[in-house]
Amino acid sequence: MSEVLFPMMTGDGSEPGVLATWYVADGEVVAEKHLLAEVAIDKVDAEIYAPVSGTVRLRVAEGDEVAQGAVIAVIEP
């Protein structure tokens, strides 16, 4: 199992971000480097890609406030 983390987007990591958009559904099978989500903090957006191939299990919903470094999904083999 591989964790997908909300990236560290600010220097100290104290400001939470938002999971703006999921581009996959829970239970969807993805290939490595597949676009999974877009996240945002303040006026900075970032795209999140699958680190490995497998089945995605979402841990947060679109619009949720998320701590930097938190697990937003896992990918099961």
Protein backbone atom coordinates (compact mmCIF):
# COMPACT_ATOMS: atom_id res chain seq x y z
CA MET A 1 0.00 0.00 0.00
CA SER A 2 1.30 3.45 -0.93
CA GLU A 3 0.15 6.66 0.74
CA VAL A 4 -0.68 9.77 -1.26
CA LEU A 5 0.11 12.88 0.79
CA PHE A 6 -1.01 16.48 0.66
CA PRO A 7 2.21 18.26 -0.33
CA MET A 8 4.15 20.65 1.88
CA MET A 9 3.43 23.90 0.07
CA THR A 10 4.51 26.52 2.62
CA GLY A 11 7.72 26.93 4.55
CA ASP A 12 6.53 25.85 7.97
CA GLY A 13 3.62 23.64 6.86
CA SER A 14 1.27 25.11 9.45
CA GLU A 15 -1.36 26.49 7.06
CA PRO A 16 -3.99 23.94 5.98
CA GLY A 17 -4.97 23.55 2.34
CA VAL A 18 -8.01 22.37 0.44
CA LEU A 19 -8.55 19.27 -1.68
CA ALA A 20 -9.95 21.21 -4.65
CA THR A 21 -10.73 18.44 -7.16
CA TRP A 22 -10.49 14.67 -7.41
CA TYR A 23 -9.87 13.40 -10.94
CA VAL A 24 -10.43 9.79 -9.88
CA ALA A 25 -13.16 7.95 -8.02
CA ASP A 26 -12.78 5.77 -4.96
CA GLY A 27 -11.96 2.24 -6.10
CA GLU A 28 -10.67 3.32 -9.51
CA VAL A 29 -7.60 1.52 -10.87
CA VAL A 30 -4.85 3.92 -11.96
CA ALA A 31 -1.40 3.68 -13.51
CA GLU A 32 1.70 5.24 -12.00
CA LYS A 33 1.88 9.01 -12.74
CA HIS A 34 -1.89 9.23 -13.39
CA LEU A 35 -3.33 12.62 -12.35
CA LEU A 36 -5.25 12.08 -9.10
CA ALA A 37 -6.16 15.47 -7.68
CA GLU A 38 -5.64 19.19 -7.49
CA VAL A 39 -4.95 20.82 -4.12
CA ALA A 40 -4.69 24.47 -3.12
CA ILE A 41 -3.29 26.66 -0.38
CA ASP A 42 -3.93 30.40 -0.45
CA LYS A 43 -3.34 31.24 -4.13
CA VAL A 44 -1.09 28.28 -4.96
CA ASP A 45 -2.43 25.16 -6.70
CA ALA A 46 -0.66 21.84 -7.18
CA GLU A 47 -1.47 18.63 -9.02
CA ILE A 48 -1.04 15.27 -7.32
CA TYR A 49 -0.02 12.21 -9.35
CA ALA A 50 -0.13 8.52 -8.48
CA PRO A 51 3.23 7.34 -7.09
CA VAL A 52 2.43 3.73 -8.06
CA SER A 53 -0.15 1.74 -10.02
CA GLY A 54 -3.11 0.20 -8.20
CA THR A 55 -6.56 0.82 -6.75
CA VAL A 56 -7.19 4.26 -5.24
CA ARG A 57 -8.89 4.56 -1.85
CA LEU A 58 -9.81 8.17 -1.10
CA ARG A 59 -9.39 9.43 2.47
CA VAL A 60 -10.75 12.99 2.10
CA ALA A 61 -13.57 14.57 0.10
CA GLU A 62 -13.46 17.44 -2.38
CA GLY A 63 -13.61 20.74 -0.53
CA ASP A 64 -12.18 19.32 2.70
CA GLU A 65 -9.58 21.33 4.57
CA VAL A 66 -6.43 19.21 4.87
CA ALA A 67 -3.21 19.57 6.86
CA GLN A 68 -0.03 19.69 4.80
CA GLY A 69 1.62 16.27 4.84
CA ALA A 70 -1.65 14.45 5.64
CA VAL A 71 -2.70 11.26 3.85
CA ILE A 72 -5.35 12.12 1.25
CA ALA A 73 -5.55 8.66 -0.36
CA VAL A 74 -3.88 5.27 -0.45
CA ILE A 75 -3.15 3.10 -3.46
CA GLU A 76 -3.47 -0.63 -2.96
CA PRO A 77 -1.66 -3.07 -5.26
